[in-house]
Every structure is written in structure tokens, then in C-alpha cells.
Amino acid sequence: QVQLVESGGGLVQAGGSLRLSCAASGSIFSINAMGWYRQAPGKQRELVAAITSGGTTTYADSVKGRFTISRDNAKNTVYLQMNSLKPEDTAVYYCNGEVVVTLTYNEYLYWGQGTQVTVSS
């Protein structure tokens, strides 16, 4: 079993910052790409940012220059530093990871439970 647990969400004023963390634990051999997604009320879940095991990053246009994704492979943890937050960033933020599990060495996509980010105007 593998679990991904997010933390760091909360309420912040527009222009403020938050740092989200997502720690993976369990029967992990390695983790390939990890990412952050978000889902606002009434909208589809969308990619925010992703990072490969080698550190290559991808960002949604809406967050480029404001958000930074990073990871600590030794801790199986991915981070999302969010600066200059806007009310339209309000959503539930989910992390995911392409996890290669022990014993079978198969890769599965796991998701965290989500953390709420609310940006007030």
C-alpha cells in the first residue's frame, strides 16, 4: 500500500503565499513523475505543475512565474510554493505520483486526499 498525504493548505489573502507539501509513504521502490492538480467548485480537475524524477518541470500557463514545484527524492516528498496568490487560485489541491512499488516493481498512479486553498480578495 502507498499513501500520499498533502499538507499546507489554508486561507490566505490575495497576494500572499502558501507552501503545499505531499509526502508519499508505504511500499515504495521509486517514484517517477509527481504533480499537483487542482479542482475548483463546478470545474474539472486541472494540472497545476509536474516534476520528473530528474527535476524537469511543467507548469500551467495560469501559474507560471508565481508557483514553483520541487521535490526531495530522499523524502519521497513534492512541494508547491505558491506566491502572488489570486482569488482564482482557490481550489482543492491534489498531489499525485507515479509510484513503482516494491515486490512487483509495477508502476501505479496514486493520489492524495486533497487540501483546500482559499484566497480571499
Protein backbone atom coordinates (compact mmCIF):
# COMPACT_ATOMS: atom_id res chain seq x y z
CA GLN A 1 0.00 0.00 0.00
CA VAL A 2 1.07 3.53 -0.79
CA GLN A 3 -0.30 6.74 0.72
CA LEU A 4 0.14 10.34 -0.37
CA VAL A 5 -0.67 12.94 2.25
CA GLU A 6 -0.92 16.66 1.47
CA SER A 7 -0.48 19.46 3.96
CA GLY A 8 -0.09 23.23 3.98
CA GLY A 9 -3.40 24.43 2.63
CA GLY A 10 -5.40 27.19 4.24
CA LEU A 11 -6.87 30.67 3.92
CA VAL A 12 -4.71 33.49 2.63
CA GLN A 13 -5.29 36.99 1.31
CA ALA A 14 -4.69 37.85 -2.31
CA GLY A 15 -1.01 38.50 -2.91
CA GLY A 16 0.01 36.12 -0.16
CA SER A 17 1.90 32.85 -0.24
CA LEU A 18 1.41 29.24 0.77
CA ARG A 19 3.61 26.17 0.56
CA LEU A 20 2.00 22.80 -0.01
CA SER A 21 3.72 19.53 0.80
CA CYS A 22 2.87 15.99 -0.27
CA ALA A 23 4.62 13.07 1.38
CA ALA A 24 4.44 9.57 -0.03
CA SER A 25 4.87 6.53 2.17
CA GLY A 26 4.44 2.77 2.05
CA SER A 27 5.75 0.10 -0.29
CA ILE A 28 7.74 2.45 -2.50
CA PHE A 29 10.67 1.38 -4.63
CA SER A 30 10.88 4.66 -6.52
CA ILE A 31 8.69 7.50 -7.76
CA ASN A 32 8.76 8.78 -11.31
CA ALA A 33 6.79 11.94 -12.07
CA MET A 34 4.92 13.76 -9.32
CA GLY A 35 2.40 16.50 -9.79
CA TRP A 36 -0.09 18.93 -8.35
CA TYR A 37 -3.62 19.31 -9.66
CA ARG A 38 -6.49 21.49 -8.50
CA GLN A 39 -10.25 21.44 -8.74
CA ALA A 40 -12.42 24.46 -8.16
CA PRO A 41 -16.18 24.13 -7.49
CA GLY A 42 -18.04 23.30 -10.68
CA LYS A 43 -14.85 22.88 -12.68
CA GLN A 44 -12.79 19.95 -13.88
CA ARG A 45 -9.59 18.95 -12.19
CA GLU A 46 -6.64 20.61 -13.93
CA LEU A 47 -2.88 20.23 -13.91
CA VAL A 48 -1.05 22.91 -11.97
CA ALA A 49 2.54 21.67 -12.13
CA ALA A 50 4.51 18.47 -12.54
CA ILE A 51 8.09 17.36 -11.99
CA THR A 52 10.01 14.33 -13.18
CA SER A 53 12.40 12.32 -11.02
CA GLY A 54 15.21 14.18 -12.75
CA GLY A 55 13.77 17.58 -11.93
CA THR A 56 12.22 18.64 -15.24
CA THR A 57 9.18 20.80 -14.53
CA THR A 58 5.95 21.71 -16.30
CA TYR A 59 3.51 24.46 -15.32
CA ALA A 60 0.05 25.55 -16.31
CA ASP A 61 0.15 28.93 -18.03
CA SER A 62 -2.02 30.42 -15.30
CA VAL A 63 0.62 29.80 -12.60
CA LYS A 64 3.88 30.33 -14.48
CA GLY A 65 6.11 32.79 -12.67
CA ARG A 66 4.08 32.53 -9.46
CA PHE A 67 4.24 28.85 -8.45
CA THR A 68 7.30 26.62 -8.09
CA ILE A 69 7.24 22.84 -7.86
CA SER A 70 10.14 20.95 -6.27
CA ARG A 71 10.80 17.55 -4.77
CA ASP A 72 13.01 15.78 -2.28
CA ASN A 73 13.56 12.28 -3.62
CA ALA A 74 15.13 11.07 -0.38
CA LYS A 75 11.94 12.01 1.48
CA ASN A 76 9.52 10.99 -1.32
CA THR A 77 8.02 14.44 -1.00
CA VAL A 78 6.87 17.02 -3.52
CA TYR A 79 6.31 20.69 -2.73
CA LEU A 80 4.38 23.53 -4.33
CA GLN A 81 5.44 27.05 -3.40
CA MET A 82 2.62 29.40 -4.32
CA ASN A 83 3.32 33.14 -4.40
CA SER A 84 1.24 36.13 -5.51
CA LEU A 85 -1.91 34.14 -4.93
CA LYS A 86 -5.13 35.25 -6.60
CA PRO A 87 -8.76 34.51 -5.73
CA GLU A 88 -8.98 32.37 -8.86
CA ASP A 89 -6.37 30.05 -7.33
CA THR A 90 -9.00 28.95 -4.81
CA ALA A 91 -9.50 25.20 -5.15
CA VAL A 92 -8.82 21.83 -3.61
CA TYR A 93 -5.25 20.92 -4.46
CA TYR A 94 -4.32 17.28 -5.03
CA CYS A 95 -0.92 15.69 -5.47
CA ASN A 96 -0.18 12.53 -7.38
CA GLY A 97 2.77 10.30 -8.00
CA GLU A 98 3.77 7.57 -10.45
CA VAL A 99 4.96 5.07 -7.87
CA VAL A 100 6.97 1.95 -8.60
CA VAL A 101 6.05 -0.41 -5.80
CA THR A 102 8.27 -2.95 -4.14
CA LEU A 103 7.99 -6.71 -4.82
CA THR A 104 6.32 -6.41 -8.23
CA TYR A 105 8.09 -3.24 -9.49
CA ASN A 106 4.90 -2.27 -11.26
CA GLU A 107 4.07 1.43 -11.59
CA TYR A 108 0.78 2.81 -10.31
CA LEU A 109 -0.64 6.32 -10.14
CA TYR A 110 -1.58 7.32 -6.61
CA TRP A 111 -3.45 10.44 -5.44
CA GLY A 112 -3.59 12.30 -2.20
CA GLN A 113 -6.83 13.22 -0.47
CA GLY A 114 -6.59 16.92 -1.30
CA THR A 115 -6.04 20.11 0.67
CA GLN A 116 -8.18 23.24 0.45
CA VAL A 117 -6.61 26.52 -0.62
CA THR A 118 -8.78 29.61 -0.30
CA VAL A 119 -7.60 33.03 -1.46
CA SER A 120 -9.66 35.98 -0.31
CA SER A 121 -9.85 39.25 -2.23
